[in-house]
Amino acid sequence: MEKEFYPTKYGLQSRFKLAENTPKPIVSWVDAQPRAVYGIERKVDGLEITVSKRGRRKLIPWCWITGLRQAGYNYGLPL
């Protein structure tokens, strides 16, 4: 599954691909989110997506991300 997010407050426009064996709860959460989110941040253990101003967020571990591009950068994880 591939998803693209456009953060409104902080972070870079991000496009990433989830692994085929990603657990169903993570896939359904990512799929349910709108394309415009509050922020995206790269953490040591994953990609953190902040959905609302109140701080509703989810950490997607790097082991489930097979491809990532952020505003022109390619991190060796091709889409």
PDB file of N, CA and C in Angstrom:
ATOM      1  N   MET A   1       0.839  -1.180   0.000  1.00  0.00           N
ATOM      2  CA  MET A   1       0.000   0.000   0.000  1.00  0.00           C
ATOM      3  C   MET A   1       0.881   1.240   0.000  1.00  0.00           C
ATOM      4  N   GLU A   2       0.543   2.191  -0.820  1.00  0.00           N
ATOM      5  CA  GLU A   2       1.306   3.433  -0.905  1.00  0.00           C
ATOM      6  C   GLU A   2       0.408   4.591  -0.485  1.00  0.00           C
ATOM      7  N   LYS A   3       0.983   5.535   0.256  1.00  0.00           N
ATOM      8  CA  LYS A   3       0.194   6.667   0.756  1.00  0.00           C
ATOM      9  C   LYS A   3       1.040   7.927   0.700  1.00  0.00           C
ATOM     10  N   GLU A   4       0.409   9.058   0.401  1.00  0.00           N
ATOM     11  CA  GLU A   4       1.096  10.343   0.353  1.00  0.00           C
ATOM     12  C   GLU A   4       0.413  11.298   1.326  1.00  0.00           C
ATOM     13  N   PHE A   5       1.240  11.997   2.119  1.00  0.00           N
ATOM     14  CA  PHE A   5       0.723  12.951   3.104  1.00  0.00           C
ATOM     15  C   PHE A   5       1.281  14.347   2.847  1.00  0.00           C
ATOM     16  N   TYR A   6       0.452  15.356   3.084  1.00  0.00           N
ATOM     17  CA  TYR A   6       0.852  16.756   2.965  1.00  0.00           C
ATOM     18  C   TYR A   6       0.683  17.418   4.328  1.00  0.00           C
ATOM     19  N   PRO A   7       1.769  17.567   5.088  1.00  0.00           N
ATOM     20  CA  PRO A   7       1.640  18.186   6.416  1.00  0.00           C
ATOM     21  C   PRO A   7       1.345  19.683   6.319  1.00  0.00           C
ATOM     22  N   THR A   8       0.485  20.179   7.209  1.00  0.00           N
ATOM     23  CA  THR A   8       0.109  21.593   7.189  1.00  0.00           C
ATOM     24  C   THR A   8       0.970  22.451   8.115  1.00  0.00           C
ATOM     25  N   LYS A   9       1.555  21.879   9.177  1.00  0.00           N
ATOM     26  CA  LYS A   9       2.323  22.671  10.134  1.00  0.00           C
ATOM     27  C   LYS A   9       3.820  22.383  10.114  1.00  0.00           C
ATOM     28  N   TYR A  10       4.223  21.128  10.214  1.00  0.00           N
ATOM     29  CA  TYR A  10       5.656  20.824  10.245  1.00  0.00           C
ATOM     30  C   TYR A  10       5.927  19.500   9.537  1.00  0.00           C
ATOM     31  N   GLY A  11       7.160  19.349   9.102  1.00  0.00           N
ATOM     32  CA  GLY A  11       7.539  18.143   8.377  1.00  0.00           C
ATOM     33  C   GLY A  11       7.496  18.372   6.881  1.00  0.00           C
ATOM     34  N   LEU A  12       7.932  17.364   6.150  1.00  0.00           N
ATOM     35  CA  LEU A  12       7.993  17.455   4.704  1.00  0.00           C
ATOM     36  C   LEU A  12       6.905  16.598   4.067  1.00  0.00           C
ATOM     37  N   GLN A  13       6.490  17.022   2.865  1.00  0.00           N
ATOM     38  CA  GLN A  13       5.562  16.195   2.107  1.00  0.00           C
ATOM     39  C   GLN A  13       6.159  14.802   2.003  1.00  0.00           C
ATOM     40  N   SER A  14       5.408  13.788   2.375  1.00  0.00           N
ATOM     41  CA  SER A  14       5.939  12.436   2.464  1.00  0.00           C
ATOM     42  C   SER A  14       5.105  11.453   1.670  1.00  0.00           C
ATOM     43  N   ARG A  15       5.805  10.576   1.012  1.00  0.00           N
ATOM     44  CA  ARG A  15       5.163   9.489   0.286  1.00  0.00           C
ATOM     45  C   ARG A  15       5.877   8.219   0.690  1.00  0.00           C
ATOM     46  N   PHE A  16       5.134   7.246   1.172  1.00  0.00           N
ATOM     47  CA  PHE A  16       5.781   6.016   1.602  1.00  0.00           C
ATOM     48  C   PHE A  16       4.944   4.798   1.235  1.00  0.00           C
ATOM     49  N   LYS A  17       5.611   3.675   1.228  1.00  0.00           N
ATOM     50  CA  LYS A  17       4.978   2.412   0.888  1.00  0.00           C
ATOM     51  C   LYS A  17       5.118   1.475   2.068  1.00  0.00           C
ATOM     52  N   LEU A  18       4.016   0.836   2.429  1.00  0.00           N
ATOM     53  CA  LEU A  18       4.029  -0.131   3.526  1.00  0.00           C
ATOM     54  C   LEU A  18       4.347  -1.530   2.988  1.00  0.00           C
ATOM     55  N   ALA A  19       5.000  -2.317   3.808  1.00  0.00           N
ATOM     56  CA  ALA A  19       5.332  -3.694   3.441  1.00  0.00           C
ATOM     57  C   ALA A  19       4.051  -4.514   3.295  1.00  0.00           C
ATOM     58  N   GLU A  20       4.120  -5.578   2.495  1.00  0.00           N
ATOM     59  CA  GLU A  20       2.945  -6.417   2.275  1.00  0.00           C
ATOM     60  C   GLU A  20       2.505  -7.146   3.534  1.00  0.00           C
ATOM     61  N   ASN A  21       3.435  -7.436   4.441  1.00  0.00           N
ATOM     62  CA  ASN A  21       3.090  -8.167   5.663  1.00  0.00           C
ATOM     63  C   ASN A  21       2.822  -7.235   6.851  1.00  0.00           C
ATOM     64  N   THR A  22       2.528  -5.966   6.580  1.00  0.00           N
ATOM     65  CA  THR A  22       2.199  -5.009   7.641  1.00  0.00           C
ATOM     66  C   THR A  22       0.906  -5.445   8.332  1.00  0.00           C
ATOM     67  N   PRO A  23       0.859  -5.384   9.664  1.00  0.00           N
ATOM     68  CA  PRO A  23      -0.366  -5.776  10.384  1.00  0.00           C
ATOM     69  C   PRO A  23      -1.581  -4.959   9.942  1.00  0.00           C
ATOM     70  N   LYS A  24      -2.713  -5.618   9.893  1.00  0.00           N
ATOM     71  CA  LYS A  24      -3.961  -5.000   9.430  1.00  0.00           C
ATOM     72  C   LYS A  24      -4.324  -3.719  10.187  1.00  0.00           C
ATOM     73  N   PRO A  25      -4.146  -3.621  11.525  1.00  0.00           N
ATOM     74  CA  PRO A  25      -4.489  -2.366  12.215  1.00  0.00           C
ATOM     75  C   PRO A  25      -3.677  -1.153  11.712  1.00  0.00           C
ATOM     76  N   ILE A  26      -2.414  -1.359  11.406  1.00  0.00           N
ATOM     77  CA  ILE A  26      -1.586  -0.250  10.904  1.00  0.00           C
ATOM     78  C   ILE A  26      -2.035   0.156   9.508  1.00  0.00           C
ATOM     79  N   VAL A  27      -2.289  -0.832   8.650  1.00  0.00           N
ATOM     80  CA  VAL A  27      -2.732  -0.539   7.279  1.00  0.00           C
ATOM     81  C   VAL A  27      -4.056   0.207   7.288  1.00  0.00           C
ATOM     82  N   SER A  28      -5.002  -0.241   8.091  1.00  0.00           N
ATOM     83  CA  SER A  28      -6.313   0.417   8.120  1.00  0.00           C
ATOM     84  C   SER A  28      -6.222   1.820   8.714  1.00  0.00           C
ATOM     85  N   TRP A  29      -5.340   2.027   9.714  1.00  0.00           N
ATOM     86  CA  TRP A  29      -5.173   3.365  10.289  1.00  0.00           C
ATOM     87  C   TRP A  29      -4.610   4.324   9.249  1.00  0.00           C
ATOM     88  N   VAL A  30      -3.553   3.899   8.548  1.00  0.00           N
ATOM     89  CA  VAL A  30      -2.937   4.751   7.524  1.00  0.00           C
ATOM     90  C   VAL A  30      -3.933   5.047   6.403  1.00  0.00           C
ATOM     91  N   ASP A  31      -4.675   4.048   5.985  1.00  0.00           N
ATOM     92  CA  ASP A  31      -5.643   4.213   4.902  1.00  0.00           C
ATOM     93  C   ASP A  31      -6.767   5.169   5.285  1.00  0.00           C
ATOM     94  N   ALA A  32      -7.146   5.193   6.552  1.00  0.00           N
ATOM     95  CA  ALA A  32      -8.263   6.024   7.012  1.00  0.00           C
ATOM     96  C   ALA A  32      -7.890   7.495   7.181  1.00  0.00           C
ATOM     97  N   GLN A  33      -6.607   7.812   7.218  1.00  0.00           N
ATOM     98  CA  GLN A  33      -6.195   9.194   7.470  1.00  0.00           C
ATOM     99  C   GLN A  33      -6.321  10.049   6.211  1.00  0.00           C
ATOM    100  N   PRO A  34      -6.653  11.333   6.376  1.00  0.00           N
ATOM    101  CA  PRO A  34      -6.713  12.225   5.216  1.00  0.00           C
ATOM    102  C   PRO A  34      -5.305  12.512   4.696  1.00  0.00           C
ATOM    103  N   ARG A  35      -5.222  13.008   3.475  1.00  0.00           N
ATOM    104  CA  ARG A  35      -3.906  13.319   2.894  1.00  0.00           C
ATOM    105  C   ARG A  35      -3.259  14.521   3.576  1.00  0.00           C
ATOM    106  N   ALA A  36      -4.079  15.460   4.040  1.00  0.00           N
ATOM    107  CA  ALA A  36      -3.552  16.631   4.746  1.00  0.00           C
ATOM    108  C   ALA A  36      -3.526  16.322   6.242  1.00  0.00           C
ATOM    109  N   VAL A  37      -2.341  16.235   6.812  1.00  0.00           N
ATOM    110  CA  VAL A  37      -2.178  15.952   8.234  1.00  0.00           C
ATOM    111  C   VAL A  37      -1.472  17.130   8.898  1.00  0.00           C
ATOM    112  N   TYR A  38      -1.442  17.140  10.211  1.00  0.00           N
ATOM    113  CA  TYR A  38      -0.832  18.248  10.950  1.00  0.00           C
ATOM    114  C   TYR A  38       0.694  18.246  10.825  1.00  0.00           C
ATOM    115  N   GLY A  39       1.308  17.078  10.929  1.00  0.00           N
ATOM    116  CA  GLY A  39       2.760  17.033  10.835  1.00  0.00           C
ATOM    117  C   GLY A  39       3.301  15.627  10.657  1.00  0.00           C
ATOM    118  N   ILE A  40       4.521  15.562  10.140  1.00  0.00           N
ATOM    119  CA  ILE A  40       5.226  14.293   9.959  1.00  0.00           C
ATOM    120  C   ILE A  40       6.649  14.486  10.446  1.00  0.00           C
ATOM    121  N   GLU A  41       7.130  13.521  11.201  1.00  0.00           N
ATOM    122  CA  GLU A  41       8.476  13.627  11.754  1.00  0.00           C
ATOM    123  C   GLU A  41       9.180  12.269  11.679  1.00  0.00           C
ATOM    124  N   ARG A  42      10.437  12.289  11.238  1.00  0.00           N
ATOM    125  CA  ARG A  42      11.244  11.068  11.233  1.00  0.00           C
ATOM    126  C   ARG A  42      11.830  10.874  12.621  1.00  0.00           C
ATOM    127  N   LYS A  43      11.559   9.730  13.210  1.00  0.00           N
ATOM    128  CA  LYS A  43      12.110   9.387  14.524  1.00  0.00           C
ATOM    129  C   LYS A  43      13.104   8.249  14.340  1.00  0.00           C
ATOM    130  N   VAL A  44      13.833   7.922  15.399  1.00  0.00           N
ATOM    131  CA  VAL A  44      14.810   6.841  15.342  1.00  0.00           C
ATOM    132  C   VAL A  44      14.128   5.505  15.041  1.00  0.00           C
ATOM    133  N   ASP A  45      12.980   5.285  15.637  1.00  0.00           N
ATOM    134  CA  ASP A  45      12.328   3.988  15.488  1.00  0.00           C
ATOM    135  C   ASP A  45      11.168   3.970  14.498  1.00  0.00           C
ATOM    136  N   GLY A  46      10.925   5.063  13.774  1.00  0.00           N
ATOM    137  CA  GLY A  46       9.868   5.053  12.776  1.00  0.00           C
ATOM    138  C   GLY A  46       9.468   6.442  12.300  1.00  0.00           C
ATOM    139  N   LEU A  47       8.408   6.477  11.541  1.00  0.00           N
ATOM    140  CA  LEU A  47       7.861   7.715  10.999  1.00  0.00           C
ATOM    141  C   LEU A  47       6.620   8.064  11.817  1.00  0.00           C
ATOM    142  N   GLU A  48       6.648   9.230  12.473  1.00  0.00           N
ATOM    143  CA  GLU A  48       5.525   9.621  13.327  1.00  0.00           C
ATOM    144  C   GLU A  48       4.621  10.585  12.569  1.00  0.00           C
ATOM    145  N   ILE A  49       3.351  10.233  12.498  1.00  0.00           N
ATOM    146  CA  ILE A  49       2.363  11.046  11.801  1.00  0.00           C
ATOM    147  C   ILE A  49       1.434  11.651  12.839  1.00  0.00           C
ATOM    148  N   THR A  50       1.395  12.983  12.889  1.00  0.00           N
ATOM    149  CA  THR A  50       0.498  13.700  13.800  1.00  0.00           C
ATOM    150  C   THR A  50      -0.708  14.142  12.989  1.00  0.00           C
ATOM    151  N   VAL A  51      -1.868  13.648  13.374  1.00  0.00           N
ATOM    152  CA  VAL A  51      -3.072  13.873  12.588  1.00  0.00           C
ATOM    153  C   VAL A  51      -3.768  15.180  12.953  1.00  0.00           C
ATOM    154  N   SER A  52      -3.781  15.541  14.237  1.00  0.00           N
ATOM    155  CA  SER A  52      -4.541  16.717  14.655  1.00  0.00           C
ATOM    156  C   SER A  52      -3.703  17.650  15.514  1.00  0.00           C
ATOM    157  N   LYS A  53      -4.220  18.852  15.672  1.00  0.00           N
ATOM    158  CA  LYS A  53      -3.562  19.858  16.493  1.00  0.00           C
ATOM    159  C   LYS A  53      -3.479  19.417  17.954  1.00  0.00           C
ATOM    160  N   ARG A  54      -4.421  18.612  18.386  1.00  0.00           N
ATOM    161  CA  ARG A  54      -4.433  18.112  19.767  1.00  0.00           C
ATOM    162  C   ARG A  54      -3.334  17.089  20.014  1.00  0.00           C
ATOM    163  N   GLY A  55      -2.696  16.630  18.960  1.00  0.00           N
ATOM    164  CA  GLY A  55      -1.587  15.715  19.142  1.00  0.00           C
ATOM    165  C   GLY A  55      -1.913  14.255  18.933  1.00  0.00           C
ATOM    166  N   ARG A  56      -3.037  13.956  18.288  1.00  0.00           N
ATOM    167  CA  ARG A  56      -3.346  12.552  17.987  1.00  0.00           C
ATOM    168  C   ARG A  56      -2.328  12.052  16.972  1.00  0.00           C
ATOM    169  N   ARG A  57      -1.506  11.090  17.371  1.00  0.00           N
ATOM    170  CA  ARG A  57      -0.404  10.663  16.517  1.00  0.00           C
ATOM    171  C   ARG A  57      -0.226   9.160  16.515  1.00  0.00           C
ATOM    172  N   LYS A  58       0.527   8.697  15.531  1.00  0.00           N
ATOM    173  CA  LYS A  58       0.804   7.262  15.390  1.00  0.00           C
ATOM    174  C   LYS A  58       2.229   7.110  14.874  1.00  0.00           C
ATOM    175  N   LEU A  59       2.938   6.157  15.448  1.00  0.00           N
ATOM    176  CA  LEU A  59       4.298   5.860  15.012  1.00  0.00           C
ATOM    177  C   LEU A  59       4.255   4.607  14.147  1.00  0.00           C
ATOM    178  N   ILE A  60       4.711   4.744  12.906  1.00  0.00           N
ATOM    179  CA  ILE A  60       4.800   3.607  11.995  1.00  0.00           C
ATOM    180  C   ILE A  60       6.247   3.125  12.046  1.00  0.00           C
ATOM    181  N   PRO A  61       6.524   1.947  12.594  1.00  0.00           N
ATOM    182  CA  PRO A  61       7.908   1.466  12.709  1.00  0.00           C
ATOM    183  C   PRO A  61       8.571   1.294  11.341  1.00  0.00           C
ATOM    184  N   TRP A  62       9.881   1.524  11.302  1.00  0.00           N
ATOM    185  CA  TRP A  62      10.635   1.414  10.047  1.00  0.00           C
ATOM    186  C   TRP A  62      10.535   0.019   9.442  1.00  0.00           C
ATOM    187  N   CYS A  63      10.341  -1.012  10.252  1.00  0.00           N
ATOM    188  CA  CYS A  63      10.283  -2.372   9.714  1.00  0.00           C
ATOM    189  C   CYS A  63       9.074  -2.585   8.808  1.00  0.00           C
ATOM    190  N   TRP A  64       8.052  -1.729   8.896  1.00  0.00           N
ATOM    191  CA  TRP A  64       6.877  -1.866   8.027  1.00  0.00           C
ATOM    192  C   TRP A  64       6.929  -0.918   6.843  1.00  0.00           C
ATOM    193  N   ILE A  65       7.934  -0.041   6.763  1.00  0.00           N
ATOM    194  CA  ILE A  65       8.040   0.913   5.657  1.00  0.00           C
ATOM    195  C   ILE A  65       9.088   0.403   4.676  1.00  0.00           C
ATOM    196  N   THR A  66       8.659   0.151   3.434  1.00  0.00           N
ATOM    197  CA  THR A  66       9.594  -0.363   2.433  1.00  0.00           C
ATOM    198  C   THR A  66      10.049   0.711   1.462  1.00  0.00           C
ATOM    199  N   GLY A  67       9.355   1.823   1.393  1.00  0.00           N
ATOM    200  CA  GLY A  67       9.739   2.915   0.495  1.00  0.00           C
ATOM    201  C   GLY A  67       9.396   4.242   1.126  1.00  0.00           C
ATOM    202  N   LEU A  68      10.273   5.250   0.938  1.00  0.00           N
ATOM    203  CA  LEU A  68      10.023   6.573   1.525  1.00  0.00           C
ATOM    204  C   LEU A  68      10.646   7.661   0.670  1.00  0.00           C
ATOM    205  N   ARG A  69       9.845   8.698   0.397  1.00  0.00           N
ATOM    206  CA  ARG A  69      10.349   9.913  -0.248  1.00  0.00           C
ATOM    207  C   ARG A  69       9.765  11.091   0.490  1.00  0.00           C
ATOM    208  N   GLN A  70      10.612  12.082   0.760  1.00  0.00           N
ATOM    209  CA  GLN A  70      10.118  13.287   1.427  1.00  0.00           C
ATOM    210  C   GLN A  70      10.621  14.504   0.683  1.00  0.00           C
ATOM    211  N   ALA A  71       9.726  15.202   0.034  1.00  0.00           N
ATOM    212  CA  ALA A  71       9.999  16.469  -0.653  1.00  0.00           C
ATOM    213  C   ALA A  71      11.315  16.447  -1.425  1.00  0.00           C
ATOM    214  N   GLY A  72      11.453  15.474  -2.285  1.00  0.00           N
ATOM    215  CA  GLY A  72      12.610  15.412  -3.148  1.00  0.00           C
ATOM    216  C   GLY A  72      13.779  14.582  -2.627  1.00  0.00           C
ATOM    217  N   TYR A  73      13.721  14.147  -1.371  1.00  0.00           N
ATOM    218  CA  TYR A  73      14.786  13.334  -0.810  1.00  0.00           C
ATOM    219  C   TYR A  73      14.440  11.861  -0.970  1.00  0.00           C
ATOM    220  N   ASN A  74      15.445  11.050  -1.268  1.00  0.00           N
ATOM    221  CA  ASN A  74      15.238   9.611  -1.353  1.00  0.00           C
ATOM    222  C   ASN A  74      16.189   8.985  -0.336  1.00  0.00           C
ATOM    223  N   TYR A  75      15.647   8.229   0.598  1.00  0.00           N
ATOM    224  CA  TYR A  75      16.436   7.699   1.700  1.00  0.00           C
ATOM    225  C   TYR A  75      16.926   6.282   1.476  1.00  0.00           C
ATOM    226  N   GLY A  76      17.095   5.881   0.209  1.00  0.00           N
ATOM    227  CA  GLY A  76      17.547   4.518  -0.062  1.00  0.00           C
ATOM    228  C   GLY A  76      16.425   3.511   0.110  1.00  0.00           C
ATOM    229  N   LEU A  77      15.220   3.978   0.240  1.00  0.00           N
ATOM    230  CA  LEU A  77      14.040   3.114   0.329  1.00  0.00           C
ATOM    231  C   LEU A  77      13.163   3.435  -0.893  1.00  0.00           C
ATOM    232  N   PRO A  78      13.478   2.850  -2.031  1.00  0.00           N
ATOM    233  CA  PRO A  78      12.786   3.250  -3.272  1.00  0.00           C
ATOM    234  C   PRO A  78      11.315   2.880  -3.272  1.00  0.00           C
ATOM    235  N   LEU A  79      10.532   3.687  -3.967  1.00  0.00           N
ATOM    236  CA  LEU A  79       9.122   3.379  -4.155  1.00  0.00           C
ATOM    237  C   LEU A  79       9.044   2.543  -5.371  1.00  0.00           C
TER     238      LEU A  79
END
